Amino acid sequence: MRGIGNVNPGWGVTVVRVMTGLLFAIDGYQKFASGLGGAAAFFAKVSIPFPGVMAPFIATLELVGGILLILGVATRVVGCLFAVEMLVTTLWVKIPAQGWNASDLDRMLLVTCVLFVLAGPGAAALWEPQGLPGARTASRRAG
């Protein structure tokens, strides 16, 4: 695919990936900083199974996964995990409690993570697992 002014369109995916990683990493950090008890209580309130286990799992996923997205490491795998998280937050939490309009950010993050699964990390990434369709390796980037 050709970009505007000979700019690789993968740079657009990279910009989206870095910003999405920042959003997730900050959200995960805030869960730890404010105490996982609050997140667990919220998860229990919205009937997320095993809230005492899921709160630290989601906080860790968001913090570590966000950093991995920023760096472009295992983007497809992390994107898949975040897509599942955003599917749950959209369909289980936001829409039932607050309606369609309140789920805008969650839906946008969902489709963004699907983009990462389908398109990969974009033009600048440190590492993608080999063997995945479209996975980029150092030797392919160099050529």
C-alpha atoms as a PDB file:
ATOM      1  CA  MET A   1       0.000   0.000   0.000  1.00  0.00           C
ATOM      2  CA  ARG A   2       1.303   3.444  -0.889  1.00  0.00           C
ATOM      3  CA  GLY A   3       1.102   6.277   1.572  1.00  0.00           C
ATOM      4  CA  ILE A   4       0.694   9.989   1.075  1.00  0.00           C
ATOM      5  CA  GLY A   5       3.976  11.639   0.114  1.00  0.00           C
ATOM      6  CA  ASN A   6       5.810   8.282   0.074  1.00  0.00           C
ATOM      7  CA  VAL A   7       5.268   7.832   3.826  1.00  0.00           C
ATOM      8  CA  ASN A   8       4.793   4.190   4.752  1.00  0.00           C
ATOM      9  CA  PRO A   9       1.189   3.728   6.049  1.00  0.00           C
ATOM     10  CA  GLY A  10       2.683   1.526   8.771  1.00  0.00           C
ATOM     11  CA  TRP A  11       3.723   4.745  10.513  1.00  0.00           C
ATOM     12  CA  GLY A  12       0.033   5.503  11.049  1.00  0.00           C
ATOM     13  CA  VAL A  13      -0.404   2.139  12.774  1.00  0.00           C
ATOM     14  CA  THR A  14       2.688   2.907  14.856  1.00  0.00           C
ATOM     15  CA  VAL A  15       1.243   6.225  16.051  1.00  0.00           C
ATOM     16  CA  VAL A  16      -2.056   4.542  16.993  1.00  0.00           C
ATOM     17  CA  ARG A  17      -0.162   1.699  18.722  1.00  0.00           C
ATOM     18  CA  VAL A  18       1.953   4.045  20.854  1.00  0.00           C
ATOM     19  CA  MET A  19      -1.034   6.162  21.928  1.00  0.00           C
ATOM     20  CA  THR A  20      -3.116   3.066  22.721  1.00  0.00           C
ATOM     21  CA  GLY A  21      -0.218   1.673  24.738  1.00  0.00           C
ATOM     22  CA  LEU A  22      -0.022   4.913  26.708  1.00  0.00           C
ATOM     23  CA  LEU A  23      -3.758   4.780  27.483  1.00  0.00           C
ATOM     24  CA  PHE A  24      -3.587   1.195  28.719  1.00  0.00           C
ATOM     25  CA  ALA A  25      -0.329   1.636  30.668  1.00  0.00           C
ATOM     26  CA  ILE A  26      -1.623   4.714  32.484  1.00  0.00           C
ATOM     27  CA  ASP A  27      -4.929   3.015  33.275  1.00  0.00           C
ATOM     28  CA  GLY A  28      -3.099  -0.043  34.632  1.00  0.00           C
ATOM     29  CA  TYR A  29      -0.785   2.136  36.708  1.00  0.00           C
ATOM     30  CA  GLN A  30      -3.775   4.006  38.148  1.00  0.00           C
ATOM     31  CA  LYS A  31      -5.345   0.706  39.233  1.00  0.00           C
ATOM     32  CA  PHE A  32      -2.186  -0.136  41.201  1.00  0.00           C
ATOM     33  CA  ALA A  33      -1.707   3.408  42.538  1.00  0.00           C
ATOM     34  CA  SER A  34      -5.258   3.703  43.844  1.00  0.00           C
ATOM     35  CA  GLY A  35      -5.201   0.201  45.283  1.00  0.00           C
ATOM     36  CA  LEU A  36      -6.396  -3.001  43.715  1.00  0.00           C
ATOM     37  CA  GLY A  37      -9.153  -3.232  46.312  1.00  0.00           C
ATOM     38  CA  GLY A  38     -11.094  -0.512  44.517  1.00  0.00           C
ATOM     39  CA  ALA A  39     -10.788  -2.309  41.192  1.00  0.00           C
ATOM     40  CA  ALA A  40     -11.788  -5.615  42.796  1.00  0.00           C
ATOM     41  CA  ALA A  41     -14.816  -3.966  44.431  1.00  0.00           C
ATOM     42  CA  PHE A  42     -15.883  -2.486  41.098  1.00  0.00           C
ATOM     43  CA  PHE A  43     -15.419  -5.862  39.376  1.00  0.00           C
ATOM     44  CA  ALA A  44     -17.579  -7.500  42.056  1.00  0.00           C
ATOM     45  CA  LYS A  45     -20.231  -4.778  41.617  1.00  0.00           C
ATOM     46  CA  VAL A  46     -20.512  -5.481  37.881  1.00  0.00           C
ATOM     47  CA  SER A  47     -20.423  -9.277  38.445  1.00  0.00           C
ATOM     48  CA  ILE A  48     -17.009  -9.993  36.926  1.00  0.00           C
ATOM     49  CA  PRO A  49     -16.122 -13.536  38.069  1.00  0.00           C
ATOM     50  CA  PHE A  50     -13.303 -13.877  40.617  1.00  0.00           C
ATOM     51  CA  PRO A  51     -12.849 -10.125  41.180  1.00  0.00           C
ATOM     52  CA  GLY A  52      -9.969 -10.647  43.626  1.00  0.00           C
ATOM     53  CA  VAL A  53      -8.025 -12.464  40.903  1.00  0.00           C
ATOM     54  CA  MET A  54      -9.213 -10.482  37.903  1.00  0.00           C
ATOM     55  CA  ALA A  55      -8.376  -7.035  39.346  1.00  0.00           C
ATOM     56  CA  PRO A  56      -4.609  -7.666  39.634  1.00  0.00           C
ATOM     57  CA  PHE A  57      -4.636  -9.632  36.383  1.00  0.00           C
ATOM     58  CA  ILE A  58      -6.272  -6.778  34.437  1.00  0.00           C
ATOM     59  CA  ALA A  59      -4.119  -4.122  36.140  1.00  0.00           C
ATOM     60  CA  THR A  60      -0.974  -6.068  35.248  1.00  0.00           C
ATOM     61  CA  LEU A  61      -2.210  -6.725  31.707  1.00  0.00           C
ATOM     62  CA  GLU A  62      -2.898  -3.034  31.188  1.00  0.00           C
ATOM     63  CA  LEU A  63       0.386  -1.821  32.674  1.00  0.00           C
ATOM     64  CA  VAL A  64       2.705  -4.410  31.128  1.00  0.00           C
ATOM     65  CA  GLY A  65       0.684  -4.823  27.932  1.00  0.00           C
ATOM     66  CA  GLY A  66       0.572  -1.055  27.465  1.00  0.00           C
ATOM     67  CA  ILE A  67       4.350  -0.840  27.769  1.00  0.00           C
ATOM     68  CA  LEU A  68       4.725  -3.733  25.302  1.00  0.00           C
ATOM     69  CA  LEU A  69       2.482  -1.907  22.825  1.00  0.00           C
ATOM     70  CA  ILE A  70       4.528   1.275  23.160  1.00  0.00           C
ATOM     71  CA  LEU A  71       7.688  -0.699  22.412  1.00  0.00           C
ATOM     72  CA  GLY A  72       6.088  -2.779  19.669  1.00  0.00           C
ATOM     73  CA  VAL A  73       6.741  -6.119  21.361  1.00  0.00           C
ATOM     74  CA  ALA A  74       4.313  -9.007  20.715  1.00  0.00           C
ATOM     75  CA  THR A  75       1.777  -6.496  19.417  1.00  0.00           C
ATOM     76  CA  ARG A  76      -0.591  -9.068  17.923  1.00  0.00           C
ATOM     77  CA  VAL A  77      -0.710 -11.158  21.093  1.00  0.00           C
ATOM     78  CA  VAL A  78      -1.175  -8.148  23.372  1.00  0.00           C
ATOM     79  CA  GLY A  79      -3.735  -6.704  20.956  1.00  0.00           C
ATOM     80  CA  CYS A  80      -5.718  -9.948  21.131  1.00  0.00           C
ATOM     81  CA  LEU A  81      -5.720  -9.896  24.951  1.00  0.00           C
ATOM     82  CA  PHE A  82      -6.801  -6.252  25.001  1.00  0.00           C
ATOM     83  CA  ALA A  83      -9.514  -6.946  22.391  1.00  0.00           C
ATOM     84  CA  VAL A  84     -11.005  -9.573  24.705  1.00  0.00           C
ATOM     85  CA  GLU A  85     -10.829  -7.144  27.636  1.00  0.00           C
ATOM     86  CA  MET A  86     -12.508  -4.378  25.622  1.00  0.00           C
ATOM     87  CA  LEU A  87     -15.185  -6.760  24.364  1.00  0.00           C
ATOM     88  CA  VAL A  88     -16.053  -7.595  27.985  1.00  0.00           C
ATOM     89  CA  THR A  89     -16.000  -3.969  29.136  1.00  0.00           C
ATOM     90  CA  THR A  90     -18.168  -2.915  26.198  1.00  0.00           C
ATOM     91  CA  LEU A  91     -20.785  -5.668  26.278  1.00  0.00           C
ATOM     92  CA  TRP A  92     -20.787  -6.627  29.967  1.00  0.00           C
ATOM     93  CA  VAL A  93     -20.079  -3.348  31.751  1.00  0.00           C
ATOM     94  CA  LYS A  94     -20.621  -0.164  29.734  1.00  0.00           C
ATOM     95  CA  ILE A  95     -23.605  -0.845  27.482  1.00  0.00           C
ATOM     96  CA  PRO A  96     -25.784  -2.559  30.138  1.00  0.00           C
ATOM     97  CA  ALA A  97     -25.055   0.083  32.786  1.00  0.00           C
ATOM     98  CA  GLN A  98     -24.784   3.304  30.798  1.00  0.00           C
ATOM     99  CA  GLY A  99     -25.944   2.634  27.249  1.00  0.00           C
ATOM    100  CA  TRP A 100     -24.387   2.739  23.802  1.00  0.00           C
ATOM    101  CA  ASN A 101     -23.043   6.311  23.932  1.00  0.00           C
ATOM    102  CA  ALA A 102     -21.098   5.696  27.140  1.00  0.00           C
ATOM    103  CA  SER A 103     -19.147   2.880  25.481  1.00  0.00           C
ATOM    104  CA  ASP A 104     -17.478   5.068  22.820  1.00  0.00           C
ATOM    105  CA  LEU A 105     -13.930   4.774  24.171  1.00  0.00           C
ATOM    106  CA  ASP A 106     -14.283   1.060  24.867  1.00  0.00           C
ATOM    107  CA  ARG A 107     -15.566   0.373  21.346  1.00  0.00           C
ATOM    108  CA  MET A 108     -12.780   2.471  19.843  1.00  0.00           C
ATOM    109  CA  LEU A 109     -10.140   0.603  21.864  1.00  0.00           C
ATOM    110  CA  LEU A 110     -11.749  -2.696  20.814  1.00  0.00           C
ATOM    111  CA  VAL A 111     -11.435  -1.967  17.097  1.00  0.00           C
ATOM    112  CA  THR A 112      -7.964  -0.520  17.613  1.00  0.00           C
ATOM    113  CA  CYS A 113      -6.828  -3.776  19.205  1.00  0.00           C
ATOM    114  CA  VAL A 114      -8.408  -5.743  16.362  1.00  0.00           C
ATOM    115  CA  LEU A 115      -6.329  -3.550  14.026  1.00  0.00           C
ATOM    116  CA  PHE A 116      -3.164  -4.631  15.858  1.00  0.00           C
ATOM    117  CA  VAL A 117      -4.133  -8.299  15.569  1.00  0.00           C
ATOM    118  CA  LEU A 118      -4.820  -7.996  11.836  1.00  0.00           C
ATOM    119  CA  ALA A 119      -2.207  -5.433  10.731  1.00  0.00           C
ATOM    120  CA  GLY A 120       0.608  -5.995  13.211  1.00  0.00           C
ATOM    121  CA  PRO A 121       2.706  -3.360  14.938  1.00  0.00           C
ATOM    122  CA  GLY A 122       3.235  -0.902  12.101  1.00  0.00           C
ATOM    123  CA  ALA A 123       6.494   0.572  10.838  1.00  0.00           C
ATOM    124  CA  ALA A 124       8.509   0.765  14.070  1.00  0.00           C
ATOM    125  CA  ALA A 125       8.471  -2.205  16.426  1.00  0.00           C
ATOM    126  CA  LEU A 126      11.093  -3.988  18.476  1.00  0.00           C
ATOM    127  CA  TRP A 127       9.817  -7.559  18.165  1.00  0.00           C
ATOM    128  CA  GLU A 128       6.975  -9.714  16.875  1.00  0.00           C
ATOM    129  CA  PRO A 129       6.802 -13.490  17.431  1.00  0.00           C
ATOM    130  CA  GLN A 130       7.834 -15.430  14.345  1.00  0.00           C
ATOM    131  CA  GLY A 131       5.416 -17.763  12.648  1.00  0.00           C
ATOM    132  CA  LEU A 132       2.461 -15.381  12.759  1.00  0.00           C
ATOM    133  CA  PRO A 133       1.063 -14.283   9.419  1.00  0.00           C
ATOM    134  CA  GLY A 134       2.619 -10.959   8.550  1.00  0.00           C
ATOM    135  CA  ALA A 135       5.023 -11.089  11.519  1.00  0.00           C
ATOM    136  CA  ARG A 136       8.038  -8.912  10.978  1.00  0.00           C
ATOM    137  CA  THR A 137      11.520  -9.991  11.872  1.00  0.00           C
ATOM    138  CA  ALA A 138      14.726  -7.992  12.050  1.00  0.00           C
ATOM    139  CA  SER A 139      15.970  -9.509   8.777  1.00  0.00           C
ATOM    140  CA  ARG A 140      12.748  -8.610   6.920  1.00  0.00           C
ATOM    141  CA  ARG A 141      12.806  -5.046   8.247  1.00  0.00           C
ATOM    142  CA  ALA A 142      16.406  -4.569   7.155  1.00  0.00           C
ATOM    143  CA  GLY A 143      15.630  -5.581   3.565  1.00  0.00           C
END
